[in-house]
Protein backbone atom coordinates (compact mmCIF):
# COMPACT_ATOMS: atom_id res chain seq x y z
CA MET A 1 0.12 -0.14 0.20
CA SER A 2 1.55 3.42 -1.06
CA ASP A 3 1.65 6.72 0.95
CA ASP A 4 -1.23 7.91 -1.69
CA SER A 5 -4.24 6.43 -2.19
CA PRO A 6 -6.14 7.00 -5.51
CA ALA A 7 -8.18 10.20 -5.55
CA GLY A 8 -12.02 9.77 -4.18
CA THR A 9 -10.83 6.29 -2.03
CA GLU A 10 -10.88 6.31 1.44
CA LEU A 11 -8.57 4.13 3.67
CA ARG A 12 -10.72 2.68 6.24
CA PHE A 13 -10.75 0.21 8.84
CA PRO A 14 -13.36 -2.34 9.37
CA LYS A 15 -16.21 -0.86 11.37
CA ASP A 16 -15.77 -3.49 14.27
CA PHE A 17 -11.95 -3.05 14.39
CA LEU A 18 -10.61 -2.20 18.01
CA PHE A 19 -8.42 0.34 18.86
CA GLY A 20 -7.04 0.50 22.47
CA VAL A 21 -3.73 1.28 24.30
CA ALA A 22 -1.40 -0.74 26.88
CA THR A 23 0.47 -0.87 29.81
CA SER A 24 1.80 -3.17 32.54
CA SER A 25 1.54 -3.30 36.18
CA TYR A 26 5.36 -3.05 37.18
CA GLN A 27 6.43 -0.58 34.55
CA VAL A 28 3.50 1.81 35.53
CA GLU A 29 1.53 1.24 38.79
CA GLY A 30 4.40 2.17 41.66
CA GLY A 31 4.99 0.60 44.90
CA ILE A 32 5.42 -3.00 43.67
CA GLU A 33 7.64 -5.56 45.55
CA ASN A 34 8.73 -8.54 43.30
CA ASP A 35 11.46 -10.36 41.50
CA TRP A 36 12.55 -7.22 39.51
CA SER A 37 12.78 -4.86 42.65
CA GLU A 38 15.07 -7.01 43.97
CA TRP A 39 17.03 -7.42 40.41
CA GLU A 40 17.06 -3.50 40.55
CA ARG A 41 18.76 -3.62 44.27
CA GLN A 42 21.27 -5.66 42.92
CA GLY A 43 22.15 -3.37 40.44
CA LYS A 44 21.35 -5.46 37.17
CA LEU A 45 19.90 -2.52 35.44
CA HIS A 46 22.02 -0.46 32.67
CA ASP A 47 22.07 1.98 35.28
CA ALA A 48 23.01 0.20 38.45
CA ASN A 49 21.10 3.01 40.43
CA THR A 50 17.67 2.93 38.82
CA ARG A 51 15.11 1.97 40.93
CA CYS A 52 11.23 1.40 39.44
CA GLY A 53 9.89 3.14 42.45
CA ARG A 54 6.53 4.77 42.06
CA ALA A 55 6.99 4.52 38.35
CA CYS A 56 3.88 6.77 36.97
CA ASP A 57 1.90 6.25 40.34
CA HIS A 58 -0.57 4.89 37.93
CA TRP A 59 -2.26 2.52 41.05
CA GLU A 60 -3.33 5.61 42.95
CA ARG A 61 -4.07 7.60 40.11
CA PHE A 62 -5.67 5.10 38.15
CA TYR A 63 -9.36 6.35 38.01
CA ASP A 64 -8.19 9.88 37.08
CA ASP A 65 -6.63 8.06 34.24
CA ILE A 66 -9.51 6.34 32.81
CA PRO A 67 -10.78 9.51 31.39
CA ARG A 68 -7.12 9.67 29.97
CA ILE A 69 -7.65 6.31 28.05
CA VAL A 70 -10.94 7.69 27.12
CA ALA A 71 -9.89 11.03 25.56
CA THR A 72 -7.37 8.76 23.11
CA GLY A 73 -10.28 7.37 21.16
CA SER A 74 -9.92 3.98 22.87
CA ARG A 75 -12.42 1.33 23.33
CA ALA A 76 -9.97 -1.17 25.17
CA TYR A 77 -7.05 -1.17 27.69
CA ARG A 78 -4.59 -3.49 28.21
CA MET A 79 -3.46 -3.86 31.60
CA ARG A 80 -1.92 -6.50 33.94
CA ILE A 81 -3.04 -8.14 37.18
CA GLU A 82 0.64 -7.98 38.99
CA TRP A 83 0.78 -11.36 40.82
CA ALA A 84 3.08 -10.18 43.54
CA ARG A 85 0.57 -7.50 44.53
CA VAL A 86 -1.85 -10.20 45.44
CA GLU A 87 -0.34 -12.97 46.56
CA PRO A 88 2.78 -11.12 48.23
CA GLU A 89 3.66 -14.18 50.09
CA ARG A 90 3.02 -17.81 48.82
CA CYS A 91 -0.45 -18.73 49.52
CA ARG A 92 -1.26 -15.58 51.29
CA TRP A 93 -3.86 -13.32 48.89
CA ASP A 94 -4.03 -9.57 49.69
CA ASP A 95 -7.92 -9.16 49.66
CA ALA A 96 -7.38 -5.59 49.25
CA ALA A 97 -5.56 -5.58 46.43
CA TRP A 98 -7.54 -8.49 44.67
CA GLU A 99 -10.68 -5.79 45.44
CA GLY A 100 -8.96 -2.99 43.64
CA TYR A 101 -7.86 -4.81 40.70
CA ARG A 102 -12.17 -5.82 40.23
CA SER A 103 -13.31 -2.30 40.94
CA ARG A 104 -10.29 -0.60 38.34
CA VAL A 105 -11.57 -3.32 35.62
CA GLN A 106 -15.37 -2.55 36.54
CA ALA A 107 -14.97 1.20 36.20
CA LEU A 108 -13.12 0.96 32.75
CA SER A 109 -16.20 -1.31 31.43
CA GLN A 110 -18.39 1.57 32.94
CA ALA A 111 -16.38 3.86 30.89
CA GLY A 112 -16.84 1.66 27.19
CA ILE A 113 -13.57 0.60 27.76
CA ARG A 114 -12.92 -3.13 27.14
CA PRO A 115 -10.15 -4.82 29.68
CA ILE A 116 -7.43 -6.90 28.19
CA ILE A 117 -5.98 -8.75 30.96
CA THR A 118 -2.38 -9.62 31.00
CA LEU A 119 -1.64 -12.45 33.58
CA HIS A 120 2.36 -12.73 33.30
CA HIS A 121 4.00 -10.32 32.03
CA PHE A 122 7.75 -10.81 33.33
CA THR A 123 7.62 -10.32 36.53
CA HIS A 124 6.78 -12.50 39.67
CA PRO A 125 6.44 -12.42 43.54
CA THR A 126 9.64 -12.37 45.16
CA TRP A 127 8.66 -16.16 46.80
CA PHE A 128 8.93 -17.48 42.95
CA HIS A 129 11.98 -18.57 41.42
CA GLU A 130 13.05 -19.93 44.85
CA ALA A 131 10.14 -21.77 45.89
CA THR A 132 8.35 -22.88 42.59
CA PRO A 133 10.52 -21.77 39.44
CA TRP A 134 8.84 -22.11 35.68
CA HIS A 135 11.51 -25.22 35.13
CA GLU A 136 10.32 -27.31 37.71
CA LYS A 137 6.48 -28.64 37.73
CA SER A 138 5.84 -26.60 41.11
CA SER A 139 5.23 -23.56 39.03
CA LEU A 140 2.00 -25.08 37.25
CA VAL A 141 0.62 -25.67 41.04
CA ALA A 142 1.44 -21.87 41.72
CA TRP A 143 0.08 -20.73 38.42
CA ARG A 144 -2.99 -22.62 38.64
CA ARG A 145 -3.80 -21.17 42.23
CA TYR A 146 -3.17 -17.48 41.00
CA VAL A 147 -5.29 -17.64 37.28
CA THR A 148 -8.07 -19.35 39.14
CA ARG A 149 -8.53 -16.43 41.60
CA CYS A 150 -8.02 -14.29 38.68
CA ALA A 151 -10.94 -15.81 36.79
CA GLU A 152 -13.05 -15.53 39.91
CA MET A 153 -12.52 -12.54 40.44
CA LEU A 154 -13.22 -11.18 36.83
CA CYS A 155 -16.33 -13.42 36.51
CA GLY A 156 -19.00 -11.64 35.12
CA ILE A 157 -16.86 -8.75 33.04
CA ASP A 158 -16.26 -8.70 29.67
CA VAL A 159 -12.74 -9.12 29.28
CA GLY A 160 -9.89 -10.27 26.85
CA ILE A 161 -7.46 -12.22 28.52
CA VAL A 162 -3.60 -12.15 27.50
CA THR A 163 -2.32 -15.24 29.52
CA ILE A 164 1.46 -14.95 28.64
CA ASN A 165 3.17 -12.04 27.36
CA GLU A 166 6.67 -12.64 25.29
CA PRO A 167 7.50 -16.11 26.20
CA MET A 168 10.44 -15.94 24.10
CA VAL A 169 11.98 -12.97 25.45
CA PHE A 170 11.27 -14.13 28.84
CA TRP A 171 13.04 -17.49 27.89
CA LEU A 172 15.91 -15.75 26.37
CA ALA A 173 16.52 -13.32 28.73
CA GLY A 174 16.07 -15.29 32.23
CA TYR A 175 17.15 -18.49 30.90
CA ILE A 176 19.95 -17.68 28.44
CA THR A 177 21.36 -14.58 28.70
CA GLY A 178 20.65 -14.20 32.44
CA PHE A 179 19.37 -10.66 31.65
CA PHE A 180 16.35 -10.87 33.42
CA PRO A 181 15.28 -12.80 36.70
CA PRO A 182 15.80 -15.38 37.54
CA GLY A 183 19.08 -14.68 35.79
CA LEU A 184 20.17 -18.15 34.80
CA LYS A 185 22.25 -19.21 31.49
CA ASP A 186 20.98 -22.70 31.47
CA ALA A 187 19.55 -23.90 28.32
CA ARG A 188 17.87 -27.21 29.05
CA ARG A 189 16.13 -26.04 32.33
CA GLY A 190 15.19 -22.76 29.97
CA PHE A 191 13.71 -25.42 27.89
CA TRP A 192 11.46 -26.83 30.46
CA ALA A 193 10.58 -23.32 31.62
CA LEU A 194 9.51 -22.64 28.14
CA ALA A 195 7.50 -25.92 28.28
CA HIS A 196 5.91 -25.09 31.85
CA LEU A 197 4.69 -21.39 30.15
CA ALA A 198 2.65 -23.45 27.18
CA GLU A 199 1.30 -25.62 29.87
CA ALA A 200 0.55 -22.40 31.86
CA HIS A 201 -1.24 -20.52 28.84
CA VAL A 202 -3.72 -24.08 29.04
CA ILE A 203 -4.29 -23.92 32.80
CA ALA A 204 -5.40 -20.38 32.40
CA ARG A 205 -7.84 -20.78 29.19
CA ASP A 206 -9.45 -23.35 30.95
CA ALA A 207 -9.50 -21.63 34.49
CA PHE A 208 -11.62 -18.55 31.97
CA SER A 209 -13.68 -20.81 29.94
CA SER A 210 -15.09 -22.58 32.90
CA ARG A 211 -15.61 -19.10 34.78
CA THR A 212 -16.31 -16.63 32.23
CA PRO A 213 -17.12 -18.10 29.18
CA ARG A 214 -16.85 -14.41 27.29
CA ALA A 215 -13.14 -14.05 27.59
CA ASP A 216 -11.12 -14.50 24.50
CA CYS A 217 -7.74 -16.11 25.74
CA GLY A 218 -4.47 -15.87 23.76
CA ILE A 219 -0.93 -14.87 24.33
CA ALA A 220 1.18 -11.79 23.26
CA GLN A 221 4.33 -13.01 20.83
CA ASN A 222 7.03 -10.68 20.59
CA VAL A 223 8.11 -10.74 16.74
CA LEU A 224 10.66 -9.73 14.62
CA ALA A 225 11.05 -9.43 11.16
CA PHE A 226 14.83 -11.20 10.82
CA ALA A 227 16.93 -10.77 7.87
CA PRO A 228 20.81 -11.75 6.97
CA ALA A 229 22.88 -8.89 7.66
CA ARG A 230 24.48 -10.67 4.05
CA ARG A 231 22.12 -11.53 1.87
CA TRP A 232 24.40 -13.05 -0.22
CA HIS A 233 25.87 -15.40 3.03
CA PRO A 234 24.47 -18.86 2.87
CA ILE A 235 25.12 -19.34 7.08
CA ASP A 236 23.37 -16.13 7.71
CA ARG A 237 20.40 -16.93 5.63
CA ALA A 238 19.87 -20.45 7.67
CA LEU A 239 19.93 -18.15 10.76
CA THR A 240 17.47 -15.84 9.58
CA ARG A 241 15.53 -19.16 8.81
CA LEU A 242 16.06 -21.08 12.34
CA ALA A 243 15.31 -17.67 14.16
CA ASN A 244 12.10 -17.16 12.79
CA SER A 245 11.30 -20.61 13.21
CA ASN A 246 12.27 -20.93 16.47
CA TYR A 247 11.41 -17.18 17.99
CA ASN A 248 8.40 -16.41 16.31
CA HIS A 249 6.85 -19.29 15.98
CA ALA A 250 7.54 -22.38 18.03
CA PHE A 251 5.64 -21.15 20.88
CA LEU A 252 2.38 -20.53 18.61
CA GLU A 253 3.10 -23.90 17.12
CA ALA A 254 2.88 -25.41 20.58
CA LEU A 255 -0.29 -23.82 21.16
CA THR A 256 -1.73 -24.92 17.98
CA THR A 257 -0.28 -28.50 17.45
CA GLY A 258 0.37 -29.30 21.10
CA ARG A 259 3.89 -30.11 20.56
CA LEU A 260 6.67 -27.57 21.37
CA ARG A 261 9.65 -27.99 19.33
CA ILE A 262 12.86 -25.85 19.70
CA GLN A 263 15.78 -26.61 17.39
CA MET A 264 18.75 -24.23 18.09
CA PRO A 265 22.06 -25.94 17.40
CA GLY A 266 25.07 -25.23 19.69
CA LEU A 267 22.37 -23.58 22.11
CA VAL A 268 19.10 -26.22 22.84
CA SER A 269 17.07 -28.69 20.84
CA GLY A 270 14.38 -30.41 22.35
CA SER A 271 10.36 -31.33 21.86
CA ALA A 272 7.91 -31.80 24.41
CA THR A 273 4.14 -32.83 24.37
CA ILE A 274 2.01 -30.12 25.87
CA ASP A 275 -1.31 -31.71 27.14
CA GLY A 276 -4.35 -29.42 25.94
CA ALA A 277 -2.64 -27.15 23.55
CA GLU A 278 -3.91 -28.25 20.25
CA ARG A 279 -6.21 -25.15 19.00
CA ALA A 280 -5.64 -23.28 22.40
CA MET A 281 -5.55 -19.86 21.07
CA ASP A 282 -8.75 -17.92 20.84
CA TYR A 283 -6.66 -15.37 18.68
CA VAL A 284 -3.06 -14.85 18.02
CA GLY A 285 -1.41 -11.73 19.79
CA VAL A 286 1.53 -9.99 17.82
CA ASN A 287 3.81 -7.82 19.80
CA TYR A 288 5.90 -5.97 16.85
CA TYR A 289 8.64 -2.96 16.96
CA THR A 290 11.43 -4.07 14.39
CA ARG A 291 13.66 -6.14 12.46
CA ALA A 292 16.97 -7.78 13.12
CA HIS A 293 19.77 -8.54 11.02
CA LEU A 294 21.34 -11.70 11.80
CA LYS A 295 25.34 -12.30 11.09
CA PHE A 296 27.13 -15.55 11.70
CA GLN A 297 30.88 -14.61 12.86
CA ARG A 298 33.71 -17.48 13.82
CA ARG A 299 34.38 -16.59 17.39
CA SER A 300 31.70 -16.57 20.52
CA PRO A 301 29.24 -16.12 20.50
CA PHE A 302 28.90 -16.94 16.58
CA LEU A 303 25.83 -15.12 16.31
CA ALA A 304 25.35 -11.27 15.95
CA PHE A 305 22.35 -9.55 16.29
CA GLU A 306 22.06 -5.89 14.29
CA TYR A 307 19.90 -3.41 13.86
CA ILE A 308 20.80 -1.88 10.35
CA ASP A 309 19.37 1.60 8.91
CA ARG A 310 19.02 0.10 5.52
CA HIS A 311 16.56 2.22 4.17
CA GLN A 312 18.34 5.51 5.81
CA ARG A 313 15.16 6.32 7.70
CA ASP A 314 17.09 6.95 11.23
CA LEU A 315 17.18 4.20 14.10
CA THR A 316 14.85 4.80 16.51
CA ASP A 317 15.82 6.67 19.74
CA ILE A 318 16.01 3.00 21.60
CA GLY A 319 18.79 2.26 18.44
CA TRP A 320 16.00 -0.03 16.59
CA GLU A 321 15.75 -0.27 12.95
CA TYR A 322 12.44 1.33 11.58
CA TYR A 323 10.94 -0.88 9.82
CA PRO A 324 7.31 -0.90 9.43
CA GLU A 325 7.12 -3.38 6.45
CA GLY A 326 8.03 -5.82 8.81
CA LEU A 327 4.24 -5.49 10.50
CA GLY A 328 2.73 -6.65 6.96
CA GLN A 329 5.13 -9.50 6.69
CA MET A 330 4.85 -11.06 10.21
CA LEU A 331 0.88 -10.76 9.98
CA ARG A 332 0.79 -12.32 6.92
CA GLN A 333 2.98 -15.08 8.59
CA MET A 334 0.28 -15.44 11.65
CA LYS A 335 -2.23 -16.20 9.10
CA GLN A 336 -1.53 -19.86 9.13
CA TYR A 337 -2.76 -20.41 12.65
CA GLY A 338 -6.39 -19.69 11.56
CA ARG A 339 -7.41 -17.59 14.02
CA PRO A 340 -8.04 -13.65 14.68
CA ILE A 341 -5.29 -11.68 15.21
CA TRP A 342 -4.54 -9.09 17.87
CA ILE A 343 -1.90 -6.61 17.59
CA THR A 344 -1.11 -6.33 21.08
CA GLU A 345 1.79 -3.94 21.36
CA ASN A 346 3.56 -1.69 18.50
CA GLY A 347 5.01 1.56 19.13
CA LEU A 348 7.88 3.90 19.18
CA ASP A 349 10.72 5.26 21.45
CA ASP A 350 9.99 9.09 20.08
CA ARG A 351 12.09 11.30 23.10
CA LEU A 352 11.42 14.29 21.17
CA GLY A 353 8.04 13.58 20.34
CA VAL A 354 7.98 14.35 16.75
CA ARG A 355 8.35 10.65 14.83
CA ARG A 356 4.93 8.98 16.14
CA SER A 357 2.37 10.12 14.14
CA GLN A 358 4.31 9.27 11.08
CA PHE A 359 5.04 5.73 13.03
CA LEU A 360 1.39 5.30 13.48
CA PHE A 361 0.68 6.28 10.00
CA GLU A 362 2.76 3.80 8.38
CA HIS A 363 2.15 0.67 10.50
CA TRP A 364 -1.50 1.20 10.26
CA GLN A 365 -1.06 1.46 6.72
CA GLN A 366 0.76 -2.14 6.90
CA VAL A 367 -2.37 -3.49 8.92
CA LEU A 368 -4.91 -2.40 6.51
CA SER A 369 -3.06 -4.02 3.33
CA ALA A 370 -2.84 -7.29 5.56
CA ILE A 371 -6.58 -6.47 6.25
CA SER A 372 -7.28 -6.08 2.27
CA ALA A 373 -5.41 -9.56 1.86
CA GLY A 374 -7.80 -11.15 3.71
CA ILE A 375 -5.92 -11.24 7.18
CA ASN A 376 -8.20 -11.19 9.79
CA VAL A 377 -6.71 -8.43 11.98
CA THR A 378 -9.24 -6.91 14.60
CA THR A 379 -7.15 -5.26 17.09
CA TYR A 380 -4.42 -2.68 17.48
CA LEU A 381 -3.07 -2.17 20.74
CA HIS A 382 -0.28 0.92 20.81
CA TRP A 383 2.28 0.60 23.52
CA SER A 384 1.97 2.49 25.54
CA LEU A 385 -0.53 4.93 27.12
CA PHE A 386 2.18 6.49 28.95
CA ASP A 387 5.99 6.74 29.03
CA ASN A 388 6.97 4.26 31.38
CA PHE A 389 9.95 2.01 33.09
CA GLU A 390 11.29 0.01 30.26
CA TRP A 391 12.86 -2.74 31.89
CA LEU A 392 16.79 -2.60 31.54
CA GLU A 393 16.76 0.64 30.04
CA GLY A 394 14.92 2.21 33.09
CA PHE A 395 13.22 5.85 32.22
CA GLY A 396 15.13 6.94 29.04
CA PRO A 397 12.77 5.81 26.74
CA ARG A 398 9.61 7.43 25.34
CA PHE A 399 6.77 5.09 24.23
CA GLY A 400 3.92 7.22 25.56
CA LEU A 401 0.95 8.85 23.88
CA TYR A 402 0.97 10.95 27.35
CA HIS A 403 4.43 12.34 28.34
CA VAL A 404 5.11 11.65 31.98
CA ASP A 405 7.21 13.66 34.05
CA PHE A 406 8.63 11.41 36.74
CA ASP A 407 9.83 13.64 39.08
CA THR A 408 6.11 14.92 39.83
CA THR A 409 3.96 12.34 37.74
CA ALA A 410 2.65 14.84 35.72
CA ARG A 411 0.70 13.23 32.11
CA THR A 412 1.18 15.75 29.23
CA PRO A 413 -0.54 14.64 25.68
CA THR A 414 1.81 14.22 22.81
CA ALA A 415 1.21 15.67 19.34
CA ALA A 416 0.53 12.07 18.73
CA LEU A 417 -2.32 11.75 20.86
CA ALA A 418 -5.07 13.90 18.94
CA TYR A 419 -4.08 11.95 15.69
CA PHE A 420 -4.49 8.68 17.37
CA ARG A 421 -8.37 9.91 18.90
CA GLN A 422 -8.78 11.15 15.20
CA VAL A 423 -7.88 7.70 13.64
CA ALA A 424 -9.54 5.77 16.38
CA GLU A 425 -12.65 7.51 16.70
CA SER A 426 -13.25 7.59 12.84
CA GLY A 427 -11.94 4.43 11.63
CA VAL A 428 -10.38 6.80 8.68
CA LEU A 429 -6.91 6.70 8.23
CA GLN A 430 -5.60 9.77 6.82
CA LYS A 431 -1.94 11.13 6.70
CA PRO A 432 -0.92 12.97 10.10
């Protein structure tokens, strides 16, 4: 789809297309003690002195923030129930926290915003990794207890469910590189952690289907548009194929076929049957940000991972390639799963606030092109509602439709907010 449509034609989203915005609890709520707050105290972030602390103070300011969500033109809001807030000690619930989440979800519904609830988004209670780590079966006992309570709490409310956010990111960062808690570098235990995460999705879906049957359950799969750094190099091309099949598709295929297969020579290979996982997604969630170029090198590590500004568009402020075409490519790949596709995250680190509207326009063009090709894309959730705490990067990146002053937590609409609202409310895509 070109930038210019023929005279007299209008680029329009389907009438029932759902626009929304996304956050995650630890990154915005504030006042949470969990495995990440411990990680920070150990100096594991890029800036060892960074602390998430009160973040955007969204827990305390939630009800005041609902009109801000409405002001974006959104009809959906993706948020997370923070496991550490509701079960701070193993097998001890915080009933006030549960009631706080239910009240917030109800308030969204009353404002005409569909809550999209994430159950797992990287963080865990402080007791989790020692008592019930993901590479052990005991993790599923703890998880079942948690998600059953979530389903009971949300019973009677029209919600969508993201069971697991970016399982491959958590696997790589938590069990391969050690950058995220639990900070292991153990590929074999990591394989079983990944298998148990797939089982965890099935457990959560079963818990909701029996209590909240209207709740669509899927995962949010981070996808990268991989490309060889050297198009002529056969090993670079082979690495690209391996990365695409393992990183982008292995977990989704496990929830389609019931079989998890990882084939990464020199790192880990394994296969496991996931009971109940055949056709276990009600939708396919896609988190898309960028393209990565892969290059073989004759020294350890043998795989180099690069962001290249191949089209001379300038890298994003976080250093990623600006590549909207990759979203269209990934949507076409996701068609194979035969499920509606939700874009559960897509956004830009734009610290000066001058590129986001154009970013939205070019990525929405890719969405409309996919829809016109018969791909059932039904939802777009922008990352993020607010500037927030971005994990190892701390507070430097700026992904929000609202700029946040982290000294005061004051929210200020960015220039892109009005454009987002215009398209979300009208369904018509026009140039910003």
